[in-house]
């Protein structure tokens, strides 16, 4: 059987963590010599160009899903090499294409934060479900696409909250029953911080709260809302 392998970029120590997450037909991390590649059952029957486009969507969704679990770390990078491998004959045809600048993957620590609380690494089935969901649902795809941004700022984070609120019937739904994904006071604090932050509105138009959220605190806050939304609305 022949399969496509898409090169990933990042330090070697990071792939020991990824091997725990990507080990199945949907997302599989494959080591060839000293390089690491992404394999997926989705690539079967695709052309080289189709594989490239689909791999970007998979990695984009995986990046966003990982950053929901661990908001502090940058996403996986795709390299410039694809391999068409025949696992019967062992023949490998290498396809090299120039790619746009990509993001590299830094090592993930064994402990990550969600809502400020330490948890273990992402649960593989949940991560795969969220990647699959992003391929099927445009709103989820847009949210995870924003979440993967390494320079996630208040404009990006506010957009994520807006997308989620719009998908469930308005911002009030975020902090009232039956969802209760956030405390109303914390939501107001986040919103005031974001509105008063440079870039969203003219300087001085909105007054910041007494205790504005730092960017890192806001990232963890937004990641928590995204996580609750995916779990409750989609079972992912």
Protein backbone atom coordinates (compact mmCIF):
# COMPACT_ATOMS: atom_id res chain seq x y z
CA UNK A 1 0.00 0.00 0.00
CA UNK A 2 1.21 3.49 -0.83
CA UNK A 3 0.82 6.46 1.47
CA UNK A 4 1.72 10.12 1.65
CA UNK A 5 3.96 11.43 4.43
CA UNK A 6 4.09 15.18 5.12
CA UNK A 7 7.22 16.51 6.79
CA UNK A 8 6.88 18.25 10.17
CA UNK A 9 9.38 20.70 11.65
CA UNK A 10 10.44 21.18 15.25
CA UNK A 11 13.07 20.12 17.82
CA UNK A 12 13.57 16.39 18.31
CA UNK A 13 12.46 16.40 21.94
CA UNK A 14 9.02 17.69 20.93
CA UNK A 15 8.25 14.63 18.82
CA UNK A 16 8.40 12.32 21.82
CA UNK A 17 5.31 14.15 23.06
CA UNK A 18 3.60 14.17 19.67
CA UNK A 19 4.05 10.41 19.31
CA UNK A 20 1.68 9.97 22.25
CA UNK A 21 -1.00 12.04 20.49
CA UNK A 22 -0.61 11.07 16.82
CA UNK A 23 -0.72 7.29 16.68
CA UNK A 24 -3.63 6.08 14.61
CA UNK A 25 -5.01 6.06 11.08
CA UNK A 26 -6.48 9.56 11.39
CA UNK A 27 -3.27 11.22 12.56
CA UNK A 28 -0.04 9.26 12.72
CA UNK A 29 3.48 10.48 13.44
CA UNK A 30 6.00 8.54 11.36
CA UNK A 31 9.78 8.65 11.71
CA UNK A 32 11.84 8.17 8.55
CA UNK A 33 15.58 8.28 9.23
CA UNK A 34 16.04 11.53 11.22
CA UNK A 35 12.87 13.28 10.07
CA UNK A 36 9.27 13.17 11.28
CA UNK A 37 6.21 13.04 9.03
CA UNK A 38 2.44 13.21 9.34
CA UNK A 39 0.46 10.33 7.83
CA UNK A 40 -3.33 10.19 7.60
CA UNK A 41 -5.89 7.83 6.11
CA UNK A 42 -7.43 10.96 4.58
CA UNK A 43 -4.56 11.18 2.08
CA UNK A 44 -5.53 7.94 0.37
CA UNK A 45 -6.39 8.54 -3.29
CA UNK A 46 -5.42 12.23 -3.22
CA UNK A 47 -3.09 14.00 -5.63
CA UNK A 48 0.05 15.73 -4.35
CA UNK A 49 -1.65 19.14 -4.41
CA UNK A 50 -4.74 17.79 -2.64
CA UNK A 51 -2.56 16.19 0.03
CA UNK A 52 -0.75 19.49 0.59
CA UNK A 53 -4.00 21.40 1.02
CA UNK A 54 -5.58 18.80 3.27
CA UNK A 55 -2.44 18.44 5.40
CA UNK A 56 -2.49 22.19 6.01
CA UNK A 57 -6.11 21.94 7.20
CA UNK A 58 -5.27 18.99 9.48
CA UNK A 59 -2.25 20.72 10.99
CA UNK A 60 -4.14 24.01 11.36
CA UNK A 61 -6.93 22.23 13.25
CA UNK A 62 -4.47 20.18 15.33
CA UNK A 63 -2.54 23.33 16.22
CA UNK A 64 -5.68 25.07 17.40
CA UNK A 65 -6.86 22.02 19.35
CA UNK A 66 -3.49 21.67 21.08
CA UNK A 67 -3.44 25.36 21.97
CA UNK A 68 -6.87 25.05 23.57
CA UNK A 69 -5.24 22.50 25.88
CA UNK A 70 -2.01 24.48 26.22
CA UNK A 71 -2.41 28.19 25.33
CA UNK A 72 1.21 29.07 26.13
CA UNK A 73 2.97 27.18 23.36
CA UNK A 74 3.38 27.70 19.59
CA UNK A 75 2.05 25.33 16.94
CA UNK A 76 3.48 22.59 14.75
CA UNK A 77 5.27 23.55 11.55
CA UNK A 78 4.99 21.86 8.14
CA UNK A 79 8.24 21.35 6.25
CA UNK A 80 8.86 21.52 2.52
CA UNK A 81 9.10 17.81 1.76
CA UNK A 82 6.42 15.23 1.03
CA UNK A 83 7.17 11.52 0.60
CA UNK A 84 5.12 9.02 -1.38
CA UNK A 85 6.02 5.72 0.25
CA UNK A 86 5.29 2.16 -0.83
CA UNK A 87 5.43 0.15 2.40
CA UNK A 88 5.62 -3.13 0.44
CA UNK A 89 8.59 -2.40 -1.83
CA UNK A 90 10.11 0.25 0.45
CA UNK A 91 10.35 2.72 -2.43
CA UNK A 92 10.04 6.39 -1.47
CA UNK A 93 9.45 9.16 -3.98
CA UNK A 94 10.33 12.54 -2.51
CA UNK A 95 8.41 15.65 -3.57
CA UNK A 96 10.02 18.97 -2.66
CA UNK A 97 7.93 22.12 -2.92
CA UNK A 98 8.69 25.66 -1.75
CA UNK A 99 6.32 26.52 1.07
CA UNK A 100 5.50 29.82 2.77
CA UNK A 101 7.14 30.63 6.06
CA UNK A 102 6.00 28.14 8.69
CA UNK A 103 5.87 28.05 12.45
CA UNK A 104 8.16 25.69 14.33
CA UNK A 105 7.14 23.47 17.18
CA UNK A 106 8.77 23.94 20.56
CA UNK A 107 8.93 21.22 23.19
CA UNK A 108 5.76 20.79 25.21
CA UNK A 109 6.24 20.46 28.96
CA UNK A 110 4.52 17.46 30.59
CA UNK A 111 2.20 19.76 32.55
CA UNK A 112 -0.09 22.26 30.83
CA UNK A 113 -2.72 24.73 31.99
CA UNK A 114 -6.44 25.04 31.27
CA UNK A 115 -8.22 27.78 33.20
CA UNK A 116 -5.05 28.15 35.24
CA UNK A 117 -5.21 24.57 36.51
CA UNK A 118 -2.47 21.99 35.75
CA UNK A 119 -3.55 19.04 33.63
CA UNK A 120 -1.78 16.30 31.71
CA UNK A 121 -1.26 16.41 27.94
CA UNK A 122 -4.25 16.43 25.58
CA UNK A 123 -6.34 13.29 25.45
CA UNK A 124 -5.72 11.66 22.06
CA UNK A 125 -9.33 10.74 21.20
CA UNK A 126 -10.51 14.26 22.09
CA UNK A 127 -7.75 15.86 20.02
CA UNK A 128 -8.59 13.71 17.01
CA UNK A 129 -12.32 14.38 17.41
CA UNK A 130 -11.68 18.11 17.43
CA UNK A 131 -9.52 17.94 14.32
CA UNK A 132 -12.26 15.95 12.57
CA UNK A 133 -14.89 18.41 13.77
CA UNK A 134 -12.95 21.36 12.35
CA UNK A 135 -12.95 19.71 8.94
CA UNK A 136 -16.74 19.39 9.05
CA UNK A 137 -17.84 22.57 10.86
CA UNK A 138 -16.89 26.03 9.58
CA UNK A 139 -17.31 27.82 12.92
CA UNK A 140 -15.10 25.30 14.75
CA UNK A 141 -12.53 25.57 11.96
CA UNK A 142 -12.50 29.39 12.26
CA UNK A 143 -12.15 29.25 16.05
CA UNK A 144 -9.27 26.75 15.97
CA UNK A 145 -7.62 28.68 13.13
CA UNK A 146 -7.54 31.78 15.33
CA UNK A 147 -6.45 29.81 18.39
CA UNK A 148 -3.37 28.50 16.59
CA UNK A 149 -2.06 32.04 16.08
CA UNK A 150 1.26 32.26 17.98
CA UNK A 151 0.83 36.00 18.59
CA UNK A 152 -2.77 35.61 19.80
CA UNK A 153 -3.78 39.11 20.91
CA UNK A 154 -6.93 40.68 22.38
CA UNK A 155 -8.42 41.32 18.93
CA UNK A 156 -8.02 37.62 18.06
CA UNK A 157 -9.35 36.46 21.43
CA UNK A 158 -12.37 38.76 21.27
CA UNK A 159 -13.17 37.38 17.82
CA UNK A 160 -13.09 33.84 19.21
CA UNK A 161 -15.56 34.77 21.95
CA UNK A 162 -17.79 36.54 19.41
CA UNK A 163 -17.86 33.48 17.15
CA UNK A 164 -18.80 31.21 20.03
CA UNK A 165 -21.44 33.61 21.38
CA UNK A 166 -23.01 34.01 17.92
CA UNK A 167 -23.13 30.23 17.51
CA UNK A 168 -25.22 29.76 20.67
CA UNK A 169 -27.55 32.74 20.44
CA UNK A 170 -25.66 35.63 22.02
CA UNK A 171 -23.14 36.47 24.72
CA UNK A 172 -25.62 36.01 27.58
CA UNK A 173 -25.69 32.30 26.79
CA UNK A 174 -22.02 32.03 27.78
CA UNK A 175 -22.59 32.75 31.47
CA UNK A 176 -26.16 31.61 32.12
CA UNK A 177 -27.76 28.18 32.55
CA UNK A 178 -27.62 25.63 31.10
CA UNK A 179 -24.13 26.42 29.76
CA UNK A 180 -22.41 28.50 32.45
CA UNK A 181 -19.11 28.35 30.60
CA UNK A 182 -17.83 31.46 32.32
CA UNK A 183 -18.55 33.68 35.30
CA UNK A 184 -20.36 36.87 34.28
CA UNK A 185 -17.91 39.05 36.22
CA UNK A 186 -14.92 37.40 34.52
CA UNK A 187 -16.60 37.75 31.14
CA UNK A 188 -17.12 41.46 31.80
CA UNK A 189 -13.50 41.80 32.94
CA UNK A 190 -12.26 40.11 29.75
CA UNK A 191 -14.53 42.20 27.54
CA UNK A 192 -13.52 45.48 29.19
CA UNK A 193 -9.86 44.56 28.96
CA UNK A 194 -10.17 43.65 25.29
CA UNK A 195 -12.18 46.77 24.41
CA UNK A 196 -9.72 49.07 26.18
CA UNK A 197 -6.74 47.38 24.61
CA UNK A 198 -5.06 49.10 21.68
CA UNK A 199 -6.19 47.93 18.28
CA UNK A 200 -9.89 47.24 18.86
CA UNK A 201 -11.04 50.83 19.34
CA UNK A 202 -9.69 54.36 19.36
CA UNK A 203 -7.43 55.06 22.38
CA UNK A 204 -9.37 56.22 25.45
CA UNK A 205 -12.78 55.22 24.11
CA UNK A 206 -13.19 52.42 26.69
CA UNK A 207 -11.99 52.41 30.30
CA UNK A 208 -10.12 49.29 31.38
CA UNK A 209 -11.38 47.33 34.41
CA UNK A 210 -9.80 47.86 37.83
CA UNK A 211 -7.85 44.62 37.37
CA UNK A 212 -7.26 44.15 33.64
CA UNK A 213 -6.45 40.68 32.41
CA UNK A 214 -2.92 40.09 31.24
CA UNK A 215 -2.58 38.61 27.78
CA UNK A 216 -1.61 35.21 29.21
CA UNK A 217 -4.54 35.23 31.66
CA UNK A 218 -6.88 36.16 28.81
CA UNK A 219 -5.48 33.35 26.66
CA UNK A 220 -6.18 30.81 29.40
CA UNK A 221 -9.63 32.30 29.94
CA UNK A 222 -10.56 32.10 26.25
CA UNK A 223 -9.09 28.60 25.94
CA UNK A 224 -11.34 27.50 28.82
CA UNK A 225 -14.44 28.89 27.09
CA UNK A 226 -13.46 27.18 23.82
CA UNK A 227 -12.89 23.89 25.62
CA UNK A 228 -16.31 24.06 27.34
CA UNK A 229 -18.01 25.00 24.07
CA UNK A 230 -16.48 22.07 22.19
CA UNK A 231 -17.33 19.62 24.96
CA UNK A 232 -20.92 20.73 25.59
CA UNK A 233 -22.08 21.72 22.10
CA UNK A 234 -20.27 19.08 20.08
CA UNK A 235 -19.29 16.36 22.53
CA UNK A 236 -15.69 16.84 21.45
